[in-house]
Amino acid sequence: MRLWQEYYRPATLTEALQALAYAPGLVLPIAGGTDLMLDLEQGRHPPVHALVDLTFLPELKRLEVQGDELLIGAAVPLSQIATSPLVAEHAQALTEACALIGGPQVRNVATLGGNVAHALPAADGTIALTALGAQVTVADLECARRVPLESLFLGPGKSALRPGQLITTFHLPLRRRGQASAFRRVMRLQGIALPILNLAIWLAREGERIADLRLAVGPSGPTPRRMTATEAIVRGQTMDDSLIEQALHTLLEEAHFRTSPHRASAEYRRQVVGALLREGMQAAWDRACEPQRH
């Protein structure tokens, strides 16, 4: 049985949106396709009538600084993000996350937009973007609107994107003096590629004090989200071992870890998250003293 009947290769974003809006039957966008193709081949997704290839759209391939933001197109391959000096300077947590997704062959074709659109609560790129305070431009034939990243998720594997809508661009604030980020992950060495647990942190440092902080842990619930209660405990406090212990105590109350038969128990995740928090906070804290390169 054929998995699709028609394949569109639009040259512009408008053409892509028209194909998504008007093609008959079930139509889906595809860029890297590393998740979608497996789902189709293994019967986890119903056959589609048409696929719309996004890989030739210049609007979705940008990776540049514009004003006070770093812009990353939804169809930029993960390997390009992992090796970009711009991303390393302004969003090191995203550099580290993208470098850990799959193997080299997967990273060469998989895209950041696909990682986010799949709506998994522990997707590495998504967790990093959440801590970095990313916003997203979502387009359809009627308009393009900018929304918070967290608004894209309804539940595990359930995206808020409606038929005919596309993620086009991720917007990240540029790193300023005293700011830095980090990403940490624990995963099985073989077999399933999804992480047992991951954590991303962004902080702003003023002397020996954490002036501001954003923290995301996955999976800590049905959707990617920030640990806002833990952030509040840390914000404005002096960085030391005692503060990290306070943050961990609050994080264990705030996060909702569950047991996965394929990955890890909730109790194991509760044990592991302390090490990730300490490593991530210390790495971001130390990096915040590093001079800016751009």
C-alpha atoms as a PDB file:
ATOM      1  CA  MET A   1       0.000   0.000   0.000  1.00  0.00           C
ATOM      2  CA  ARG A   2       1.327   3.422  -0.950  1.00  0.00           C
ATOM      3  CA  LEU A   3       1.904   5.714   2.027  1.00  0.00           C
ATOM      4  CA  TRP A   4       1.024   8.817  -0.014  1.00  0.00           C
ATOM      5  CA  GLN A   5      -0.409   9.616  -3.437  1.00  0.00           C
ATOM      6  CA  GLU A   6       1.010  13.027  -4.310  1.00  0.00           C
ATOM      7  CA  TYR A   7       4.206  14.886  -3.482  1.00  0.00           C
ATOM      8  CA  TYR A   8       4.470  18.680  -3.770  1.00  0.00           C
ATOM      9  CA  ARG A   9       7.735  20.625  -3.893  1.00  0.00           C
ATOM     10  CA  PRO A  10       6.759  24.313  -3.585  1.00  0.00           C
ATOM     11  CA  ALA A  11       9.284  27.078  -4.290  1.00  0.00           C
ATOM     12  CA  THR A  12       7.751  29.691  -1.984  1.00  0.00           C
ATOM     13  CA  LEU A  13       6.058  29.746   1.398  1.00  0.00           C
ATOM     14  CA  THR A  14       2.805  30.900  -0.204  1.00  0.00           C
ATOM     15  CA  GLU A  15       2.822  27.914  -2.544  1.00  0.00           C
ATOM     16  CA  ALA A  16       3.424  25.589   0.397  1.00  0.00           C
ATOM     17  CA  LEU A  17       0.544  27.069   2.385  1.00  0.00           C
ATOM     18  CA  GLN A  18      -1.753  26.834  -0.652  1.00  0.00           C
ATOM     19  CA  ALA A  19      -0.886  23.159  -1.081  1.00  0.00           C
ATOM     20  CA  LEU A  20      -1.574  22.486   2.593  1.00  0.00           C
ATOM     21  CA  ALA A  21      -4.884  24.329   2.396  1.00  0.00           C
ATOM     22  CA  TYR A  22      -6.256  23.028  -0.896  1.00  0.00           C
ATOM     23  CA  ALA A  23      -4.755  19.607  -1.615  1.00  0.00           C
ATOM     24  CA  PRO A  24      -7.461  16.915  -1.380  1.00  0.00           C
ATOM     25  CA  GLY A  25      -7.481  14.422   1.450  1.00  0.00           C
ATOM     26  CA  LEU A  26      -5.016  14.306   4.322  1.00  0.00           C
ATOM     27  CA  VAL A  27      -1.982  16.458   3.530  1.00  0.00           C
ATOM     28  CA  LEU A  28       1.094  16.908   5.715  1.00  0.00           C
ATOM     29  CA  PRO A  29       4.254  19.008   5.559  1.00  0.00           C
ATOM     30  CA  ILE A  30       7.597  17.210   5.465  1.00  0.00           C
ATOM     31  CA  ALA A  31      11.172  18.456   5.821  1.00  0.00           C
ATOM     32  CA  GLY A  32      13.591  15.975   7.388  1.00  0.00           C
ATOM     33  CA  GLY A  33      10.849  13.395   7.847  1.00  0.00           C
ATOM     34  CA  THR A  34      12.860  11.360  10.370  1.00  0.00           C
ATOM     35  CA  ASP A  35       9.832  10.966  12.647  1.00  0.00           C
ATOM     36  CA  LEU A  36       7.029  11.140  10.089  1.00  0.00           C
ATOM     37  CA  MET A  37       8.428   8.515   7.719  1.00  0.00           C
ATOM     38  CA  LEU A  38       8.925   6.011  10.520  1.00  0.00           C
ATOM     39  CA  ASP A  39       5.394   6.638  11.777  1.00  0.00           C
ATOM     40  CA  LEU A  40       3.972   6.076   8.292  1.00  0.00           C
ATOM     41  CA  GLU A  41       6.056   2.979   7.563  1.00  0.00           C
ATOM     42  CA  GLN A  42       5.317   1.373  10.945  1.00  0.00           C
ATOM     43  CA  GLY A  43       1.578   2.096  10.855  1.00  0.00           C
ATOM     44  CA  ARG A  44       1.542   4.628  13.696  1.00  0.00           C
ATOM     45  CA  HIS A  45       0.117   7.276  11.362  1.00  0.00           C
ATOM     46  CA  PRO A  46      -2.697   6.816   8.834  1.00  0.00           C
ATOM     47  CA  PRO A  47      -1.660   6.995   5.157  1.00  0.00           C
ATOM     48  CA  VAL A  48      -1.699  10.519   3.762  1.00  0.00           C
ATOM     49  CA  HIS A  49      -2.883  11.707   0.381  1.00  0.00           C
ATOM     50  CA  ALA A  50      -0.122  14.280  -0.136  1.00  0.00           C
ATOM     51  CA  LEU A  51       3.176  15.443   1.319  1.00  0.00           C
ATOM     52  CA  VAL A  52       4.381  19.046   0.991  1.00  0.00           C
ATOM     53  CA  ASP A  53       8.188  19.304   0.904  1.00  0.00           C
ATOM     54  CA  LEU A  54       9.463  22.352   2.838  1.00  0.00           C
ATOM     55  CA  THR A  55      13.179  21.881   2.274  1.00  0.00           C
ATOM     56  CA  PHE A  56      13.474  24.344  -0.627  1.00  0.00           C
ATOM     57  CA  LEU A  57      11.772  27.326   1.031  1.00  0.00           C
ATOM     58  CA  PRO A  58      14.270  30.138   1.750  1.00  0.00           C
ATOM     59  CA  GLU A  59      11.971  31.591   4.425  1.00  0.00           C
ATOM     60  CA  LEU A  60      12.375  28.395   6.462  1.00  0.00           C
ATOM     61  CA  LYS A  61      16.166  28.089   6.004  1.00  0.00           C
ATOM     62  CA  ARG A  62      17.352  31.317   7.590  1.00  0.00           C
ATOM     63  CA  LEU A  63      19.795  31.368  10.482  1.00  0.00           C
ATOM     64  CA  GLU A  64      20.745  34.947  11.257  1.00  0.00           C
ATOM     65  CA  VAL A  65      20.713  37.800  13.720  1.00  0.00           C
ATOM     66  CA  GLN A  66      18.049  40.395  13.068  1.00  0.00           C
ATOM     67  CA  GLY A  67      17.801  43.312  15.472  1.00  0.00           C
ATOM     68  CA  ASP A  68      17.995  41.967  19.014  1.00  0.00           C
ATOM     69  CA  GLU A  69      17.008  38.400  18.072  1.00  0.00           C
ATOM     70  CA  LEU A  70      18.492  35.217  16.676  1.00  0.00           C
ATOM     71  CA  LEU A  71      16.198  33.842  13.974  1.00  0.00           C
ATOM     72  CA  ILE A  72      16.228  30.136  13.124  1.00  0.00           C
ATOM     73  CA  GLY A  73      14.080  28.812  10.302  1.00  0.00           C
ATOM     74  CA  ALA A  74      11.954  25.749  11.014  1.00  0.00           C
ATOM     75  CA  ALA A  75      13.608  23.753   8.199  1.00  0.00           C
ATOM     76  CA  VAL A  76      17.214  24.369   9.282  1.00  0.00           C
ATOM     77  CA  PRO A  77      18.875  20.954   9.834  1.00  0.00           C
ATOM     78  CA  LEU A  78      19.917  20.092  13.371  1.00  0.00           C
ATOM     79  CA  SER A  79      23.520  19.568  12.263  1.00  0.00           C
ATOM     80  CA  GLN A  80      23.707  23.170  11.048  1.00  0.00           C
ATOM     81  CA  ILE A  81      22.342  24.439  14.358  1.00  0.00           C
ATOM     82  CA  ALA A  82      24.769  22.268  16.331  1.00  0.00           C
ATOM     83  CA  THR A  83      27.779  23.706  14.469  1.00  0.00           C
ATOM     84  CA  SER A  84      26.661  27.331  14.061  1.00  0.00           C
ATOM     85  CA  PRO A  85      28.876  29.922  15.814  1.00  0.00           C
ATOM     86  CA  LEU A  86      25.846  32.210  16.127  1.00  0.00           C
ATOM     87  CA  VAL A  87      23.831  29.594  17.985  1.00  0.00           C
ATOM     88  CA  ALA A  88      26.818  28.682  20.164  1.00  0.00           C
ATOM     89  CA  GLU A  89      27.190  32.340  21.155  1.00  0.00           C
ATOM     90  CA  HIS A  90      23.563  33.192  21.830  1.00  0.00           C
ATOM     91  CA  ALA A  91      21.873  29.861  22.637  1.00  0.00           C
ATOM     92  CA  GLN A  92      24.437  27.317  23.799  1.00  0.00           C
ATOM     93  CA  ALA A  93      21.757  25.126  25.361  1.00  0.00           C
ATOM     94  CA  LEU A  94      20.289  24.665  21.880  1.00  0.00           C
ATOM     95  CA  THR A  95      23.724  23.871  20.430  1.00  0.00           C
ATOM     96  CA  GLU A  96      24.191  21.131  23.021  1.00  0.00           C
ATOM     97  CA  ALA A  97      20.676  19.756  22.592  1.00  0.00           C
ATOM     98  CA  CYS A  98      20.839  19.545  18.791  1.00  0.00           C
ATOM     99  CA  ALA A  99      24.259  17.861  18.934  1.00  0.00           C
ATOM    100  CA  LEU A 100      22.731  15.006  20.960  1.00  0.00           C
ATOM    101  CA  ILE A 101      19.682  14.258  18.812  1.00  0.00           C
ATOM    102  CA  GLY A 102      20.041  11.006  16.880  1.00  0.00           C
ATOM    103  CA  GLY A 103      23.271  10.285  15.011  1.00  0.00           C
ATOM    104  CA  PRO A 104      25.102  12.337  12.371  1.00  0.00           C
ATOM    105  CA  GLN A 105      22.944  11.040   9.510  1.00  0.00           C
ATOM    106  CA  VAL A 106      19.747  11.928  11.353  1.00  0.00           C
ATOM    107  CA  ARG A 107      20.995  15.391  12.316  1.00  0.00           C
ATOM    108  CA  ASN A 108      21.895  16.136   8.704  1.00  0.00           C
ATOM    109  CA  VAL A 109      18.244  15.907   7.640  1.00  0.00           C
ATOM    110  CA  ALA A 110      16.134  16.304  10.795  1.00  0.00           C
ATOM    111  CA  THR A 111      14.917  19.849  11.467  1.00  0.00           C
ATOM    112  CA  LEU A 112      14.208  21.954  14.516  1.00  0.00           C
ATOM    113  CA  GLY A 113      10.661  22.564  13.301  1.00  0.00           C
ATOM    114  CA  GLY A 114      10.010  18.835  13.120  1.00  0.00           C
ATOM    115  CA  ASN A 115      11.443  18.296  16.594  1.00  0.00           C
ATOM    116  CA  VAL A 116       9.020  20.870  17.996  1.00  0.00           C
ATOM    117  CA  ALA A 117       5.982  19.970  15.866  1.00  0.00           C
ATOM    118  CA  HIS A 118       6.156  16.348  17.033  1.00  0.00           C
ATOM    119  CA  ALA A 119       5.089  17.727  20.441  1.00  0.00           C
ATOM    120  CA  LEU A 120       6.930  15.253  22.655  1.00  0.00           C
ATOM    121  CA  PRO A 121       7.303  16.418  26.279  1.00  0.00           C
ATOM    122  CA  ALA A 122      11.027  15.559  26.365  1.00  0.00           C
ATOM    123  CA  ALA A 123      12.139  16.525  22.838  1.00  0.00           C
ATOM    124  CA  ASP A 124      15.670  17.851  23.269  1.00  0.00           C
ATOM    125  CA  GLY A 125      15.317  20.838  20.958  1.00  0.00           C
ATOM    126  CA  THR A 126      11.985  21.785  22.475  1.00  0.00           C
ATOM    127  CA  ILE A 127      13.277  21.675  26.063  1.00  0.00           C
ATOM    128  CA  ALA A 128      16.252  23.870  25.139  1.00  0.00           C
ATOM    129  CA  LEU A 129      14.032  26.374  23.315  1.00  0.00           C
ATOM    130  CA  THR A 130      11.663  26.511  26.304  1.00  0.00           C
ATOM    131  CA  ALA A 131      14.440  27.525  28.706  1.00  0.00           C
ATOM    132  CA  LEU A 132      15.800  30.026  26.191  1.00  0.00           C
ATOM    133  CA  GLY A 133      12.486  31.886  26.104  1.00  0.00           C
ATOM    134  CA  ALA A 134      11.813  31.199  22.424  1.00  0.00           C
ATOM    135  CA  GLN A 135       8.841  32.496  20.509  1.00  0.00           C
ATOM    136  CA  VAL A 136       7.544  31.034  17.260  1.00  0.00           C
ATOM    137  CA  THR A 137       6.056  32.436  14.077  1.00  0.00           C
ATOM    138  CA  VAL A 138       3.165  30.282  12.834  1.00  0.00           C
ATOM    139  CA  ALA A 139       1.779  30.959   9.363  1.00  0.00           C
ATOM    140  CA  ASP A 140      -1.263  29.986   7.341  1.00  0.00           C
ATOM    141  CA  LEU A 141      -2.874  31.516   4.260  1.00  0.00           C
ATOM    142  CA  GLU A 142      -4.633  34.167   6.339  1.00  0.00           C
ATOM    143  CA  CYS A 143      -1.755  35.516   8.406  1.00  0.00           C
ATOM    144  CA  ALA A 144       1.515  34.938  10.213  1.00  0.00           C
ATOM    145  CA  ARG A 145       1.416  35.355  13.968  1.00  0.00           C
ATOM    146  CA  ARG A 146       4.009  35.146  16.696  1.00  0.00           C
ATOM    147  CA  VAL A 147       3.208  33.008  19.727  1.00  0.00           C
ATOM    148  CA  PRO A 148       4.992  31.644  22.817  1.00  0.00           C
ATOM    149  CA  LEU A 149       6.572  28.259  22.215  1.00  0.00           C
ATOM    150  CA  GLU A 150       4.597  26.624  25.034  1.00  0.00           C
ATOM    151  CA  SER A 151       1.296  27.462  23.305  1.00  0.00           C
ATOM    152  CA  LEU A 152       2.049  24.891  20.578  1.00  0.00           C
ATOM    153  CA  PHE A 153       1.452  21.843  22.784  1.00  0.00           C
ATOM    154  CA  LEU A 154      -1.774  20.149  23.868  1.00  0.00           C
ATOM    155  CA  GLY A 155      -0.454  16.835  25.228  1.00  0.00           C
ATOM    156  CA  PRO A 156       2.061  14.079  24.519  1.00  0.00           C
ATOM    157  CA  GLY A 157       2.440  13.982  20.745  1.00  0.00           C
ATOM    158  CA  LYS A 158      -0.463  16.417  20.302  1.00  0.00           C
ATOM    159  CA  SER A 159       0.382  19.703  18.619  1.00  0.00           C
ATOM    160  CA  ALA A 160      -1.834  22.783  18.752  1.00  0.00           C
ATOM    161  CA  LEU A 161      -1.014  23.474  15.100  1.00  0.00           C
ATOM    162  CA  ARG A 162      -4.144  23.290  12.973  1.00  0.00           C
ATOM    163  CA  PRO A 163      -4.311  21.815   9.453  1.00  0.00           C
ATOM    164  CA  GLY A 164      -2.826  24.317   7.032  1.00  0.00           C
ATOM    165  CA  GLN A 165      -0.533  25.910   9.622  1.00  0.00           C
ATOM    166  CA  LEU A 166       3.262  25.838   9.602  1.00  0.00           C
ATOM    167  CA  ILE A 167       5.987  26.822  12.012  1.00  0.00           C
ATOM    168  CA  THR A 168       8.219  29.144   9.984  1.00  0.00           C
ATOM    169  CA  THR A 169      10.670  30.775  12.414  1.00  0.00           C
ATOM    170  CA  PHE A 170      11.993  30.497  15.946  1.00  0.00           C
ATOM    171  CA  HIS A 171      12.859  33.790  17.671  1.00  0.00           C
ATOM    172  CA  LEU A 172      15.448  33.753  20.468  1.00  0.00           C
ATOM    173  CA  PRO A 173      16.684  36.780  22.433  1.00  0.00           C
ATOM    174  CA  LEU A 174      20.363  37.521  21.926  1.00  0.00           C
ATOM    175  CA  ARG A 175      22.747  36.738  24.740  1.00  0.00           C
ATOM    176  CA  ARG A 176      23.731  39.780  26.777  1.00  0.00           C
ATOM    177  CA  ARG A 177      26.597  40.320  29.158  1.00  0.00           C
ATOM    178  CA  GLY A 178      26.319  38.044  32.187  1.00  0.00           C
ATOM    179  CA  GLN A 179      23.867  35.658  30.499  1.00  0.00           C
ATOM    180  CA  ALA A 180      24.406  32.021  29.504  1.00  0.00           C
ATOM    181  CA  SER A 181      22.643  28.683  29.069  1.00  0.00           C
ATOM    182  CA  ALA A 182      23.310  24.951  29.278  1.00  0.00           C
ATOM    183  CA  PHE A 183      21.654  21.629  28.411  1.00  0.00           C
ATOM    184  CA  ARG A 184      22.099  18.268  30.093  1.00  0.00           C
ATOM    185  CA  ARG A 185      20.605  14.850  29.330  1.00  0.00           C
ATOM    186  CA  VAL A 186      20.544  11.229  30.471  1.00  0.00           C
ATOM    187  CA  MET A 187      19.581   8.532  27.964  1.00  0.00           C
ATOM    188  CA  ARG A 188      20.006   4.841  27.298  1.00  0.00           C
ATOM    189  CA  LEU A 189      23.171   4.053  25.379  1.00  0.00           C
ATOM    190  CA  GLN A 190      21.366   1.671  23.062  1.00  0.00           C
ATOM    191  CA  GLY A 191      17.875   1.184  21.771  1.00  0.00           C
ATOM    192  CA  ILE A 192      15.289   3.925  22.132  1.00  0.00           C
ATOM    193  CA  ALA A 193      16.643   7.379  21.303  1.00  0.00           C
ATOM    194  CA  LEU A 194      14.342   9.441  23.507  1.00  0.00           C
ATOM    195  CA  PRO A 195      15.974  10.781  26.662  1.00  0.00           C
ATOM    196  CA  ILE A 196      15.326   9.340  30.095  1.00  0.00           C
ATOM    197  CA  LEU A 197      15.476  12.917  31.339  1.00  0.00           C
ATOM    198  CA  ASN A 198      16.758  16.222  30.037  1.00  0.00           C
ATOM    199  CA  LEU A 199      17.175  19.701  31.467  1.00  0.00           C
ATOM    200  CA  ALA A 200      17.898  23.133  30.036  1.00  0.00           C
ATOM    201  CA  ILE A 201      18.720  26.266  31.966  1.00  0.00           C
ATOM    202  CA  TRP A 202      19.251  29.926  31.115  1.00  0.00           C
ATOM    203  CA  LEU A 203      20.446  32.417  33.692  1.00  0.00           C
ATOM    204  CA  ALA A 204      21.556  36.004  34.084  1.00  0.00           C
ATOM    205  CA  ARG A 205      24.356  36.630  36.550  1.00  0.00           C
ATOM    206  CA  GLU A 206      25.092  39.794  38.520  1.00  0.00           C
ATOM    207  CA  GLY A 207      28.243  39.310  40.567  1.00  0.00           C
ATOM    208  CA  GLU A 208      27.618  36.319  42.839  1.00  0.00           C
ATOM    209  CA  ARG A 209      23.847  36.576  42.474  1.00  0.00           C
ATOM    210  CA  ILE A 210      21.467  34.927  39.995  1.00  0.00           C
ATOM    211  CA  ALA A 211      19.457  37.880  38.735  1.00  0.00           C
ATOM    212  CA  ASP A 212      17.145  35.801  36.541  1.00  0.00           C
ATOM    213  CA  LEU A 213      16.651  32.187  35.548  1.00  0.00           C
ATOM    214  CA  ARG A 214      14.574  29.995  33.237  1.00  0.00           C
ATOM    215  CA  LEU A 215      14.458  26.228  33.707  1.00  0.00           C
ATOM    216  CA  ALA A 216      12.825  23.435  31.695  1.00  0.00           C
ATOM    217  CA  VAL A 217      12.862  19.700  32.459  1.00  0.00           C
ATOM    218  CA  GLY A 218      11.516  16.930  30.261  1.00  0.00           C
ATOM    219  CA  PRO A 219       9.479  14.891  30.638  1.00  0.00           C
ATOM    220  CA  SER A 220       8.029  16.624  33.703  1.00  0.00           C
ATOM    221  CA  GLY A 221       4.406  16.563  32.589  1.00  0.00           C
ATOM    222  CA  PRO A 222       2.272  16.010  29.479  1.00  0.00           C
ATOM    223  CA  THR A 223       3.706  19.042  27.669  1.00  0.00           C
ATOM    224  CA  PRO A 224       7.033  20.894  27.642  1.00  0.00           C
ATOM    225  CA  ARG A 225       6.984  23.614  30.275  1.00  0.00           C
ATOM    226  CA  ARG A 226       9.092  25.779  32.531  1.00  0.00           C
ATOM    227  CA  MET A 227       9.610  25.055  36.205  1.00  0.00           C
ATOM    228  CA  THR A 228       8.328  28.442  37.334  1.00  0.00           C
ATOM    229  CA  ALA A 229       8.190  27.696  41.081  1.00  0.00           C
ATOM    230  CA  THR A 230      11.806  26.550  41.033  1.00  0.00           C
ATOM    231  CA  GLU A 231      12.778  29.636  39.058  1.00  0.00           C
ATOM    232  CA  ALA A 232      11.192  31.859  41.695  1.00  0.00           C
ATOM    233  CA  ILE A 233      13.171  30.179  44.492  1.00  0.00           C
ATOM    234  CA  VAL A 234      16.481  30.834  42.718  1.00  0.00           C
ATOM    235  CA  ARG A 235      15.848  34.284  41.279  1.00  0.00           C
ATOM    236  CA  GLY A 236      17.734  37.022  43.121  1.00  0.00           C
ATOM    237  CA  GLN A 237      19.702  34.619  45.336  1.00  0.00           C
ATOM    238  CA  THR A 238      23.431  34.026  45.817  1.00  0.00           C
ATOM    239  CA  MET A 239      24.751  31.070  43.859  1.00  0.00           C
ATOM    240  CA  ASP A 240      26.000  28.343  46.215  1.00  0.00           C
ATOM    241  CA  ASP A 241      25.403  24.692  47.127  1.00  0.00           C
ATOM    242  CA  SER A 242      22.630  25.618  49.532  1.00  0.00           C
ATOM    243  CA  LEU A 243      20.701  27.401  46.795  1.00  0.00           C
ATOM    244  CA  ILE A 244      20.986  24.410  44.481  1.00  0.00           C
ATOM    245  CA  GLU A 245      19.615  22.163  47.228  1.00  0.00           C
ATOM    246  CA  GLN A 246      16.669  24.527  47.745  1.00  0.00           C
ATOM    247  CA  ALA A 247      16.047  24.576  44.006  1.00  0.00           C
ATOM    248  CA  LEU A 248      16.142  20.778  43.825  1.00  0.00           C
ATOM    249  CA  HIS A 249      13.672  20.441  46.709  1.00  0.00           C
ATOM    250  CA  THR A 250      11.211  22.740  44.921  1.00  0.00           C
ATOM    251  CA  LEU A 251      11.813  21.062  41.556  1.00  0.00           C
ATOM    252  CA  LEU A 252      10.971  17.630  42.978  1.00  0.00           C
ATOM    253  CA  GLU A 253       7.665  19.044  44.228  1.00  0.00           C
ATOM    254  CA  GLU A 254       6.904  20.879  40.997  1.00  0.00           C
ATOM    255  CA  ALA A 255       7.843  18.304  38.355  1.00  0.00           C
ATOM    256  CA  HIS A 256       5.493  15.413  37.633  1.00  0.00           C
ATOM    257  CA  PHE A 257       7.729  12.465  36.771  1.00  0.00           C
ATOM    258  CA  ARG A 258       6.079   9.257  35.641  1.00  0.00           C
ATOM    259  CA  THR A 259       7.251   5.714  35.118  1.00  0.00           C
ATOM    260  CA  SER A 260       7.857   4.675  31.515  1.00  0.00           C
ATOM    261  CA  PRO A 261       8.153   0.936  30.797  1.00  0.00           C
ATOM    262  CA  HIS A 262      10.535   1.705  27.928  1.00  0.00           C
ATOM    263  CA  ARG A 263      12.776   4.282  29.588  1.00  0.00           C
ATOM    264  CA  ALA A 264      12.843   4.723  33.368  1.00  0.00           C
ATOM    265  CA  SER A 265      10.862   4.758  36.573  1.00  0.00           C
ATOM    266  CA  ALA A 266       9.636   7.951  38.179  1.00  0.00           C
ATOM    267  CA  GLU A 267      11.886   7.272  41.169  1.00  0.00           C
ATOM    268  CA  TYR A 268      14.970   6.952  38.963  1.00  0.00           C
ATOM    269  CA  ARG A 269      14.149  10.259  37.307  1.00  0.00           C
ATOM    270  CA  ARG A 270      13.807  11.895  40.718  1.00  0.00           C
ATOM    271  CA  GLN A 271      17.294  10.662  41.563  1.00  0.00           C
ATOM    272  CA  VAL A 272      18.856  11.718  38.259  1.00  0.00           C
ATOM    273  CA  VAL A 273      17.380  15.211  38.069  1.00  0.00           C
ATOM    274  CA  GLY A 274      19.518  16.427  40.974  1.00  0.00           C
ATOM    275  CA  ALA A 275      22.739  15.708  39.087  1.00  0.00           C
ATOM    276  CA  LEU A 276      21.418  17.364  35.924  1.00  0.00           C
ATOM    277  CA  LEU A 277      20.330  20.450  37.862  1.00  0.00           C
ATOM    278  CA  ARG A 278      23.702  20.847  39.564  1.00  0.00           C
ATOM    279  CA  GLU A 279      25.649  20.347  36.330  1.00  0.00           C
ATOM    280  CA  GLY A 280      23.398  22.623  34.312  1.00  0.00           C
ATOM    281  CA  MET A 281      23.333  25.454  36.839  1.00  0.00           C
ATOM    282  CA  GLN A 282      27.090  25.342  37.336  1.00  0.00           C
ATOM    283  CA  ALA A 283      27.809  25.269  33.599  1.00  0.00           C
ATOM    284  CA  ALA A 284      25.516  28.224  32.874  1.00  0.00           C
ATOM    285  CA  TRP A 285      26.891  30.105  35.899  1.00  0.00           C
ATOM    286  CA  ASP A 286      30.492  29.675  34.752  1.00  0.00           C
ATOM    287  CA  ARG A 287      29.689  30.522  31.126  1.00  0.00           C
ATOM    288  CA  ALA A 288      27.984  33.751  32.172  1.00  0.00           C
ATOM    289  CA  CYS A 289      31.454  35.140  32.939  1.00  0.00           C
ATOM    290  CA  GLU A 290      32.759  34.396  29.457  1.00  0.00           C
ATOM    291  CA  PRO A 291      33.153  37.395  27.123  1.00  0.00           C
ATOM    292  CA  GLN A 292      30.763  37.818  24.227  1.00  0.00           C
ATOM    293  CA  ARG A 293      32.175  37.035  20.782  1.00  0.00           C
ATOM    294  CA  HIS A 294      29.557  38.704  18.564  1.00  0.00           C
END
